[in-house]
Amino acid sequence: MSQPTSKFSKGENVVCVLKGTPYKTKVINITQKKGAECYIVHFEGWNSRYDVAIKVGCEDGELYKGTVEEYQAKMGGASKMVVTKKDEQSDDSDEF
């Protein structure tokens, strides 16, 4: 059985969709994890502990080329807001 071909390259800015929310991300590496080739995806503005590994060949529905704005225009989700770590922190600042 042949290895799936990578659709994305190291250093490429992509959109990662988790639980229906698009995030601005970057493929920071393509590596082997548990015997499978995976993209290591970093979320802009988030700590590296939130990086995810997505198997090459299983990226459909999770990774998209382009910007979040292009993704939203194409998928009809322009009303969805992109959450960044900075947004979350500002929401917590009202709590004591």
PDB file of N, CA and C in Angstrom:
ATOM      1  N   MET A   1       0.847  -1.176   0.000  1.00  0.00           N
ATOM      2  CA  MET A   1       0.000   0.000   0.000  1.00  0.00           C
ATOM      3  C   MET A   1       0.893   1.239   0.000  1.00  0.00           C
ATOM      4  N   SER A   2       0.622   2.205  -0.847  1.00  0.00           N
ATOM      5  CA  SER A   2       1.466   3.384  -0.953  1.00  0.00           C
ATOM      6  C   SER A   2       1.051   4.457   0.054  1.00  0.00           C
ATOM      7  N   GLN A   3       2.033   5.303   0.408  1.00  0.00           N
ATOM      8  CA  GLN A   3       1.792   6.408   1.336  1.00  0.00           C
ATOM      9  C   GLN A   3       0.951   7.474   0.648  1.00  0.00           C
ATOM     10  N   PRO A   4       0.008   8.125   1.367  1.00  0.00           N
ATOM     11  CA  PRO A   4      -0.744   9.231   0.789  1.00  0.00           C
ATOM     12  C   PRO A   4       0.186  10.396   0.474  1.00  0.00           C
ATOM     13  N   THR A   5      -0.172  11.185  -0.526  1.00  0.00           N
ATOM     14  CA  THR A   5       0.616  12.343  -0.915  1.00  0.00           C
ATOM     15  C   THR A   5       0.217  13.545  -0.075  1.00  0.00           C
ATOM     16  N   SER A   6       1.212  14.317   0.365  1.00  0.00           N
ATOM     17  CA  SER A   6       0.946  15.518   1.156  1.00  0.00           C
ATOM     18  C   SER A   6       0.301  16.585   0.290  1.00  0.00           C
ATOM     19  N   LYS A   7      -0.795  17.166   0.775  1.00  0.00           N
ATOM     20  CA  LYS A   7      -1.470  18.266   0.084  1.00  0.00           C
ATOM     21  C   LYS A   7      -0.918  19.613   0.533  1.00  0.00           C
ATOM     22  N   PHE A   8      -0.278  19.617   1.700  1.00  0.00           N
ATOM     23  CA  PHE A   8       0.232  20.847   2.290  1.00  0.00           C
ATOM     24  C   PHE A   8       1.720  20.690   2.526  1.00  0.00           C
ATOM     25  N   SER A   9       2.436  21.807   2.605  1.00  0.00           N
ATOM     26  CA  SER A   9       3.874  21.744   2.814  1.00  0.00           C
ATOM     27  C   SER A   9       4.269  22.442   4.111  1.00  0.00           C
ATOM     28  N   LYS A  10       5.445  22.100   4.591  1.00  0.00           N
ATOM     29  CA  LYS A  10       5.969  22.709   5.807  1.00  0.00           C
ATOM     30  C   LYS A  10       6.087  24.218   5.605  1.00  0.00           C
ATOM     31  N   GLY A  11       5.601  24.985   6.582  1.00  0.00           N
ATOM     32  CA  GLY A  11       5.642  26.441   6.510  1.00  0.00           C
ATOM     33  C   GLY A  11       4.412  27.068   5.878  1.00  0.00           C
ATOM     34  N   GLU A  12       3.506  26.252   5.357  1.00  0.00           N
ATOM     35  CA  GLU A  12       2.311  26.775   4.681  1.00  0.00           C
ATOM     36  C   GLU A  12       1.256  27.219   5.693  1.00  0.00           C
ATOM     37  N   ASN A  13       0.713  28.415   5.467  1.00  0.00           N
ATOM     38  CA  ASN A  13      -0.401  28.906   6.280  1.00  0.00           C
ATOM     39  C   ASN A  13      -1.674  28.252   5.787  1.00  0.00           C
ATOM     40  N   VAL A  14      -2.444  27.678   6.711  1.00  0.00           N
ATOM     41  CA  VAL A  14      -3.666  26.954   6.360  1.00  0.00           C
ATOM     42  C   VAL A  14      -4.761  27.293   7.362  1.00  0.00           C
ATOM     43  N   VAL A  15      -5.968  26.844   7.066  1.00  0.00           N
ATOM     44  CA  VAL A  15      -7.096  26.962   7.985  1.00  0.00           C
ATOM     45  C   VAL A  15      -7.351  25.570   8.554  1.00  0.00           C
ATOM     46  N   CYS A  16      -7.433  25.484   9.868  1.00  0.00           N
ATOM     47  CA  CYS A  16      -7.755  24.223  10.531  1.00  0.00           C
ATOM     48  C   CYS A  16      -9.133  24.387  11.159  1.00  0.00           C
ATOM     49  N   VAL A  17     -10.037  23.462  10.872  1.00  0.00           N
ATOM     50  CA  VAL A  17     -11.394  23.527  11.396  1.00  0.00           C
ATOM     51  C   VAL A  17     -11.552  22.469  12.484  1.00  0.00           C
ATOM     52  N   LEU A  18     -11.850  22.942  13.696  1.00  0.00           N
ATOM     53  CA  LEU A  18     -12.105  22.045  14.832  1.00  0.00           C
ATOM     54  C   LEU A  18     -13.473  22.360  15.403  1.00  0.00           C
ATOM     55  N   LYS A  19     -14.291  21.346  15.529  1.00  0.00           N
ATOM     56  CA  LYS A  19     -15.649  21.497  16.071  1.00  0.00           C
ATOM     57  C   LYS A  19     -16.405  22.620  15.369  1.00  0.00           C
ATOM     58  N   GLY A  20     -16.209  22.719  14.052  1.00  0.00           N
ATOM     59  CA  GLY A  20     -16.937  23.690  13.245  1.00  0.00           C
ATOM     60  C   GLY A  20     -16.376  25.100  13.252  1.00  0.00           C
ATOM     61  N   THR A  21     -15.299  25.350  13.989  1.00  0.00           N
ATOM     62  CA  THR A  21     -14.717  26.688  14.063  1.00  0.00           C
ATOM     63  C   THR A  21     -13.401  26.722  13.293  1.00  0.00           C
ATOM     64  N   PRO A  22     -13.260  27.666  12.344  1.00  0.00           N
ATOM     65  CA  PRO A  22     -12.000  27.777  11.595  1.00  0.00           C
ATOM     66  C   PRO A  22     -10.963  28.589  12.373  1.00  0.00           C
ATOM     67  N   TYR A  23      -9.730  28.119  12.342  1.00  0.00           N
ATOM     68  CA  TYR A  23      -8.621  28.791  13.015  1.00  0.00           C
ATOM     69  C   TYR A  23      -7.496  29.049  12.020  1.00  0.00           C
ATOM     70  N   LYS A  24      -6.797  30.165  12.188  1.00  0.00           N
ATOM     71  CA  LYS A  24      -5.633  30.480  11.385  1.00  0.00           C
ATOM     72  C   LYS A  24      -4.466  29.672  11.940  1.00  0.00           C
ATOM     73  N   THR A  25      -3.886  28.822  11.099  1.00  0.00           N
ATOM     74  CA  THR A  25      -2.832  27.919  11.543  1.00  0.00           C
ATOM     75  C   THR A  25      -1.709  27.850  10.524  1.00  0.00           C
ATOM     76  N   LYS A  26      -0.669  27.122  10.901  1.00  0.00           N
ATOM     77  CA  LYS A  26       0.478  26.930  10.019  1.00  0.00           C
ATOM     78  C   LYS A  26       0.982  25.509  10.177  1.00  0.00           C
ATOM     79  N   VAL A  27       1.328  24.872   9.059  1.00  0.00           N
ATOM     80  CA  VAL A  27       1.962  23.555   9.102  1.00  0.00           C
ATOM     81  C   VAL A  27       3.421  23.804   9.469  1.00  0.00           C
ATOM     82  N   ILE A  28       3.810  23.406  10.676  1.00  0.00           N
ATOM     83  CA  ILE A  28       5.176  23.679  11.116  1.00  0.00           C
ATOM     84  C   ILE A  28       6.122  22.509  10.868  1.00  0.00           C
ATOM     85  N   ASN A  29       5.557  21.338  10.587  1.00  0.00           N
ATOM     86  CA  ASN A  29       6.387  20.175  10.290  1.00  0.00           C
ATOM     87  C   ASN A  29       5.530  19.073   9.690  1.00  0.00           C
ATOM     88  N   ILE A  30       6.170  18.186   8.991  1.00  0.00           N
ATOM     89  CA  ILE A  30       5.540  16.950   8.524  1.00  0.00           C
ATOM     90  C   ILE A  30       6.459  15.838   9.007  1.00  0.00           C
ATOM     91  N   THR A  31       5.930  14.978   9.868  1.00  0.00           N
ATOM     92  CA  THR A  31       6.771  13.994  10.537  1.00  0.00           C
ATOM     93  C   THR A  31       6.036  12.668  10.709  1.00  0.00           C
ATOM     94  N   GLN A  32       6.765  11.668  11.173  1.00  0.00           N
ATOM     95  CA  GLN A  32       6.180  10.359  11.466  1.00  0.00           C
ATOM     96  C   GLN A  32       5.711  10.329  12.913  1.00  0.00           C
ATOM     97  N   LYS A  33       4.472   9.928  13.120  1.00  0.00           N
ATOM     98  CA  LYS A  33       3.913   9.732  14.466  1.00  0.00           C
ATOM     99  C   LYS A  33       3.211   8.388  14.464  1.00  0.00           C
ATOM    100  N   LYS A  34       3.656   7.514  15.344  1.00  0.00           N
ATOM    101  CA  LYS A  34       3.057   6.176  15.474  1.00  0.00           C
ATOM    102  C   LYS A  34       2.954   5.473  14.125  1.00  0.00           C
ATOM    103  N   GLY A  35       4.011   5.596  13.317  1.00  0.00           N
ATOM    104  CA  GLY A  35       4.084   4.900  12.043  1.00  0.00           C
ATOM    105  C   GLY A  35       3.340   5.544  10.894  1.00  0.00           C
ATOM    106  N   ALA A  36       2.748   6.714  11.114  1.00  0.00           N
ATOM    107  CA  ALA A  36       2.004   7.391  10.052  1.00  0.00           C
ATOM    108  C   ALA A  36       2.568   8.800   9.843  1.00  0.00           C
ATOM    109  N   GLU A  37       2.596   9.236   8.602  1.00  0.00           N
ATOM    110  CA  GLU A  37       3.053  10.584   8.305  1.00  0.00           C
ATOM    111  C   GLU A  37       1.961  11.576   8.728  1.00  0.00           C
ATOM    112  N   CYS A  38       2.353  12.619   9.476  1.00  0.00           N
ATOM    113  CA  CYS A  38       1.396  13.585  10.019  1.00  0.00           C
ATOM    114  C   CYS A  38       1.876  15.011   9.805  1.00  0.00           C
ATOM    115  N   TYR A  39       0.896  15.900   9.629  1.00  0.00           N
ATOM    116  CA  TYR A  39       1.168  17.331   9.657  1.00  0.00           C
ATOM    117  C   TYR A  39       1.162  17.760  11.123  1.00  0.00           C
ATOM    118  N   ILE A  40       2.128  18.560  11.520  1.00  0.00           N
ATOM    119  CA  ILE A  40       2.094  19.181  12.841  1.00  0.00           C
ATOM    120  C   ILE A  40       1.609  20.605  12.598  1.00  0.00           C
ATOM    121  N   VAL A  41       0.449  20.935  13.174  1.00  0.00           N
ATOM    122  CA  VAL A  41      -0.238  22.197  12.902  1.00  0.00           C
ATOM    123  C   VAL A  41      -0.220  23.064  14.159  1.00  0.00           C
ATOM    124  N   HIS A  42       0.235  24.322  13.978  1.00  0.00           N
ATOM    125  CA  HIS A  42       0.309  25.287  15.081  1.00  0.00           C
ATOM    126  C   HIS A  42      -0.765  26.345  14.905  1.00  0.00           C
ATOM    127  N   PHE A  43      -1.497  26.648  15.982  1.00  0.00           N
ATOM    128  CA  PHE A  43      -2.552  27.657  15.973  1.00  0.00           C
ATOM    129  C   PHE A  43      -1.943  29.018  16.292  1.00  0.00           C
ATOM    130  N   GLU A  44      -2.137  29.988  15.402  1.00  0.00           N
ATOM    131  CA  GLU A  44      -1.559  31.313  15.590  1.00  0.00           C
ATOM    132  C   GLU A  44      -2.061  31.944  16.879  1.00  0.00           C
ATOM    133  N   GLY A  45      -1.126  32.453  17.708  1.00  0.00           N
ATOM    134  CA  GLY A  45      -1.476  33.097  18.960  1.00  0.00           C
ATOM    135  C   GLY A  45      -1.648  32.141  20.128  1.00  0.00           C
ATOM    136  N   TRP A  46      -1.508  30.848  19.895  1.00  0.00           N
ATOM    137  CA  TRP A  46      -1.686  29.849  20.949  1.00  0.00           C
ATOM    138  C   TRP A  46      -0.329  29.257  21.323  1.00  0.00           C
ATOM    139  N   ASN A  47      -0.223  28.725  22.517  1.00  0.00           N
ATOM    140  CA  ASN A  47       0.974  28.049  22.977  1.00  0.00           C
ATOM    141  C   ASN A  47       1.160  26.766  22.173  1.00  0.00           C
ATOM    142  N   SER A  48       2.410  26.343  22.003  1.00  0.00           N
ATOM    143  CA  SER A  48       2.698  25.145  21.217  1.00  0.00           C
ATOM    144  C   SER A  48       2.100  23.873  21.814  1.00  0.00           C
ATOM    145  N   ARG A  49       1.707  23.912  23.091  1.00  0.00           N
ATOM    146  CA  ARG A  49       1.087  22.704  23.668  1.00  0.00           C
ATOM    147  C   ARG A  49      -0.260  22.383  23.008  1.00  0.00           C
ATOM    148  N   TYR A  50      -0.831  23.359  22.305  1.00  0.00           N
ATOM    149  CA  TYR A  50      -2.100  23.146  21.599  1.00  0.00           C
ATOM    150  C   TYR A  50      -1.909  22.679  20.161  1.00  0.00           C
ATOM    151  N   ASP A  51      -0.657  22.534  19.712  1.00  0.00           N
ATOM    152  CA  ASP A  51      -0.395  22.042  18.363  1.00  0.00           C
ATOM    153  C   ASP A  51      -1.042  20.666  18.197  1.00  0.00           C
ATOM    154  N   VAL A  52      -1.494  20.380  16.984  1.00  0.00           N
ATOM    155  CA  VAL A  52      -2.136  19.095  16.721  1.00  0.00           C
ATOM    156  C   VAL A  52      -1.414  18.364  15.601  1.00  0.00           C
ATOM    157  N   ALA A  53      -1.534  17.055  15.610  1.00  0.00           N
ATOM    158  CA  ALA A  53      -1.012  16.207  14.543  1.00  0.00           C
ATOM    159  C   ALA A  53      -2.206  15.681  13.750  1.00  0.00           C
ATOM    160  N   ILE A  54      -2.170  15.910  12.442  1.00  0.00           N
ATOM    161  CA  ILE A  54      -3.242  15.441  11.564  1.00  0.00           C
ATOM    162  C   ILE A  54      -2.606  14.543  10.509  1.00  0.00           C
ATOM    163  N   LYS A  55      -3.103  13.313  10.422  1.00  0.00           N
ATOM    164  CA  LYS A  55      -2.538  12.343   9.490  1.00  0.00           C
ATOM    165  C   LYS A  55      -2.654  12.816   8.048  1.00  0.00           C
ATOM    166  N   VAL A  56      -1.563  12.654   7.304  1.00  0.00           N
ATOM    167  CA  VAL A  56      -1.586  12.915   5.871  1.00  0.00           C
ATOM    168  C   VAL A  56      -2.552  11.908   5.257  1.00  0.00           C
ATOM    169  N   GLY A  57      -3.482  12.391   4.464  1.00  0.00           N
ATOM    170  CA  GLY A  57      -4.505  11.535   3.884  1.00  0.00           C
ATOM    171  C   GLY A  57      -5.830  11.629   4.622  1.00  0.00           C
ATOM    172  N   CYS A  58      -5.803  12.188   5.841  1.00  0.00           N
ATOM    173  CA  CYS A  58      -7.016  12.353   6.647  1.00  0.00           C
ATOM    174  C   CYS A  58      -7.325  13.822   6.883  1.00  0.00           C
ATOM    175  N   GLU A  59      -6.733  14.695   6.082  1.00  0.00           N
ATOM    176  CA  GLU A  59      -6.878  16.132   6.314  1.00  0.00           C
ATOM    177  C   GLU A  59      -8.165  16.719   5.738  1.00  0.00           C
ATOM    178  N   ASP A  60      -8.855  15.995   4.880  1.00  0.00           N
ATOM    179  CA  ASP A  60     -10.098  16.508   4.297  1.00  0.00           C
ATOM    180  C   ASP A  60     -11.108  16.792   5.411  1.00  0.00           C
ATOM    181  N   GLY A  61     -11.678  17.996   5.385  1.00  0.00           N
ATOM    182  CA  GLY A  61     -12.628  18.407   6.400  1.00  0.00           C
ATOM    183  C   GLY A  61     -11.982  19.061   7.605  1.00  0.00           C
ATOM    184  N   GLU A  62     -10.641  18.998   7.681  1.00  0.00           N
ATOM    185  CA  GLU A  62      -9.933  19.597   8.816  1.00  0.00           C
ATOM    186  C   GLU A  62      -8.979  20.708   8.390  1.00  0.00           C
ATOM    187  N   LEU A  63      -8.284  20.520   7.271  1.00  0.00           N
ATOM    188  CA  LEU A  63      -7.318  21.515   6.800  1.00  0.00           C
ATOM    189  C   LEU A  63      -7.733  22.035   5.430  1.00  0.00           C
ATOM    190  N   TYR A  64      -7.606  23.345   5.260  1.00  0.00           N
ATOM    191  CA  TYR A  64      -7.963  23.998   4.000  1.00  0.00           C
ATOM    192  C   TYR A  64      -6.887  25.006   3.624  1.00  0.00           C
ATOM    193  N   LYS A  65      -6.612  25.117   2.334  1.00  0.00           N
ATOM    194  CA  LYS A  65      -5.696  26.137   1.842  1.00  0.00           C
ATOM    195  C   LYS A  65      -6.389  27.493   1.903  1.00  0.00           C
ATOM    196  N   GLY A  66      -5.588  28.558   2.087  1.00  0.00           N
ATOM    197  CA  GLY A  66      -6.136  29.903   2.087  1.00  0.00           C
ATOM    198  C   GLY A  66      -6.261  30.484   3.470  1.00  0.00           C
ATOM    199  N   THR A  67      -7.032  31.578   3.546  1.00  0.00           N
ATOM    200  CA  THR A  67      -7.222  32.291   4.808  1.00  0.00           C
ATOM    201  C   THR A  67      -8.564  31.918   5.429  1.00  0.00           C
ATOM    202  N   VAL A  68      -8.738  32.304   6.680  1.00  0.00           N
ATOM    203  CA  VAL A  68     -10.008  32.061   7.371  1.00  0.00           C
ATOM    204  C   VAL A  68     -11.134  32.780   6.628  1.00  0.00           C
ATOM    205  N   GLU A  69     -10.859  34.000   6.166  1.00  0.00           N
ATOM    206  CA  GLU A  69     -11.871  34.772   5.446  1.00  0.00           C
ATOM    207  C   GLU A  69     -12.285  34.057   4.154  1.00  0.00           C
ATOM    208  N   GLU A  70     -11.308  33.512   3.430  1.00  0.00           N
ATOM    209  CA  GLU A  70     -11.622  32.764   2.197  1.00  0.00           C
ATOM    210  C   GLU A  70     -12.427  31.510   2.524  1.00  0.00           C
ATOM    211  N   TYR A  71     -12.048  30.823   3.602  1.00  0.00           N
ATOM    212  CA  TYR A  71     -12.785  29.630   4.025  1.00  0.00           C
ATOM    213  C   TYR A  71     -14.237  29.983   4.344  1.00  0.00           C
ATOM    214  N   GLN A  72     -14.437  31.063   5.121  1.00  0.00           N
ATOM    215  CA  GLN A  72     -15.786  31.459   5.521  1.00  0.00           C
ATOM    216  C   GLN A  72     -16.613  31.866   4.314  1.00  0.00           C
ATOM    217  N   ALA A  73     -16.018  32.578   3.361  1.00  0.00           N
ATOM    218  CA  ALA A  73     -16.748  32.980   2.158  1.00  0.00           C
ATOM    219  C   ALA A  73     -17.158  31.752   1.341  1.00  0.00           C
ATOM    220  N   LYS A  74     -16.256  30.784   1.241  1.00  0.00           N
ATOM    221  CA  LYS A  74     -16.523  29.577   0.456  1.00  0.00           C
ATOM    222  C   LYS A  74     -17.551  28.674   1.136  1.00  0.00           C
ATOM    223  N   MET A  75     -17.455  28.551   2.454  1.00  0.00           N
ATOM    224  CA  MET A  75     -18.317  27.629   3.196  1.00  0.00           C
ATOM    225  C   MET A  75     -19.585  28.297   3.725  1.00  0.00           C
ATOM    226  N   GLY A  76     -19.713  29.605   3.542  1.00  0.00           N
ATOM    227  CA  GLY A  76     -20.922  30.304   3.977  1.00  0.00           C
ATOM    228  C   GLY A  76     -20.989  30.552   5.462  1.00  0.00           C
ATOM    229  N   GLY A  77     -19.845  30.545   6.142  1.00  0.00           N
ATOM    230  CA  GLY A  77     -19.833  30.740   7.586  1.00  0.00           C
ATOM    231  C   GLY A  77     -19.276  32.086   7.981  1.00  0.00           C
ATOM    232  N   ALA A  78     -19.559  33.114   7.204  1.00  0.00           N
ATOM    233  CA  ALA A  78     -18.958  34.427   7.453  1.00  0.00           C
ATOM    234  C   ALA A  78     -19.347  35.001   8.803  1.00  0.00           C
ATOM    235  N   SER A  79     -20.438  34.532   9.392  1.00  0.00           N
ATOM    236  CA  SER A  79     -20.866  35.085  10.670  1.00  0.00           C
ATOM    237  C   SER A  79     -20.112  34.480  11.850  1.00  0.00           C
ATOM    238  N   LYS A  80     -19.398  33.366  11.627  1.00  0.00           N
ATOM    239  CA  LYS A  80     -18.646  32.752  12.713  1.00  0.00           C
ATOM    240  C   LYS A  80     -17.428  33.602  13.053  1.00  0.00           C
ATOM    241  N   MET A  81     -17.141  33.696  14.319  1.00  0.00           N
ATOM    242  CA  MET A  81     -16.005  34.473  14.774  1.00  0.00           C
ATOM    243  C   MET A  81     -14.833  33.544  15.037  1.00  0.00           C
ATOM    244  N   VAL A  82     -13.650  33.960  14.657  1.00  0.00           N
ATOM    245  CA  VAL A  82     -12.458  33.173  14.903  1.00  0.00           C
ATOM    246  C   VAL A  82     -11.966  33.498  16.305  1.00  0.00           C
ATOM    247  N   VAL A  83     -11.780  32.455  17.113  1.00  0.00           N
ATOM    248  CA  VAL A  83     -11.346  32.641  18.491  1.00  0.00           C
ATOM    249  C   VAL A  83      -9.833  32.497  18.542  1.00  0.00           C
ATOM    250  N   THR A  84      -9.184  33.436  19.189  1.00  0.00           N
ATOM    251  CA  THR A  84      -7.748  33.319  19.421  1.00  0.00           C
ATOM    252  C   THR A  84      -7.516  33.303  20.920  1.00  0.00           C
ATOM    253  N   LYS A  85      -6.367  32.889  21.327  1.00  0.00           N
ATOM    254  CA  LYS A  85      -6.039  32.817  22.753  1.00  0.00           C
ATOM    255  C   LYS A  85      -6.144  34.207  23.379  1.00  0.00           C
ATOM    256  N   LYS A  86      -5.732  35.233  22.651  1.00  0.00           N
ATOM    257  CA  LYS A  86      -5.795  36.597  23.165  1.00  0.00           C
ATOM    258  C   LYS A  86      -7.236  37.002  23.458  1.00  0.00           C
ATOM    259  N   ASP A  87      -8.192  36.601  22.589  1.00  0.00           N
ATOM    260  CA  ASP A  87      -9.608  36.903  22.816  1.00  0.00           C
ATOM    261  C   ASP A  87     -10.095  36.254  24.102  1.00  0.00           C
ATOM    262  N   GLU A  88      -9.689  35.010  24.320  1.00  0.00           N
ATOM    263  CA  GLU A  88     -10.102  34.298  25.531  1.00  0.00           C
ATOM    264  C   GLU A  88      -9.587  34.983  26.778  1.00  0.00           C
ATOM    265  N   GLN A  89      -8.330  35.436  26.743  1.00  0.00           N
ATOM    266  CA  GLN A  89      -7.744  36.077  27.907  1.00  0.00           C
ATOM    267  C   GLN A  89      -8.465  37.393  28.232  1.00  0.00           C
ATOM    268  N   SER A  90      -8.851  38.141  27.206  1.00  0.00           N
ATOM    269  CA  SER A  90      -9.516  39.405  27.462  1.00  0.00           C
ATOM    270  C   SER A  90     -10.906  39.179  28.083  1.00  0.00           C
ATOM    271  N   ASP A  91     -11.555  38.043  27.755  1.00  0.00           N
ATOM    272  CA  ASP A  91     -12.853  37.737  28.342  1.00  0.00           C
ATOM    273  C   ASP A  91     -12.718  37.433  29.835  1.00  0.00           C
ATOM    274  N   ASP A  92     -11.606  36.823  30.236  1.00  0.00           N
ATOM    275  CA  ASP A  92     -11.395  36.438  31.626  1.00  0.00           C
ATOM    276  C   ASP A  92     -10.968  37.621  32.492  1.00  0.00           C
ATOM    277  N   SER A  93     -10.571  38.724  31.900  1.00  0.00           N
ATOM    278  CA  SER A  93     -10.027  39.822  32.669  1.00  0.00           C
ATOM    279  C   SER A  93     -11.071  40.497  33.566  1.00  0.00           C
ATOM    280  N   ASP A  94     -12.358  40.300  33.301  1.00  0.00           N
ATOM    281  CA  ASP A  94     -13.414  40.886  34.114  1.00  0.00           C
ATOM    282  C   ASP A  94     -13.639  40.109  35.403  1.00  0.00           C
ATOM    283  N   GLU A  95     -13.112  38.881  35.467  1.00  0.00           N
ATOM    284  CA  GLU A  95     -13.316  38.045  36.648  1.00  0.00           C
ATOM    285  C   GLU A  95     -12.265  38.361  37.696  1.00  0.00           C
ATOM    286  N   PHE A  96     -12.655  38.254  38.961  1.00  0.00           N
ATOM    287  CA  PHE A  96     -11.718  38.512  40.060  1.00  0.00           C
ATOM    288  C   PHE A  96     -11.385  37.248  40.804  1.00  0.00           C
TER     289      PHE A  96
END
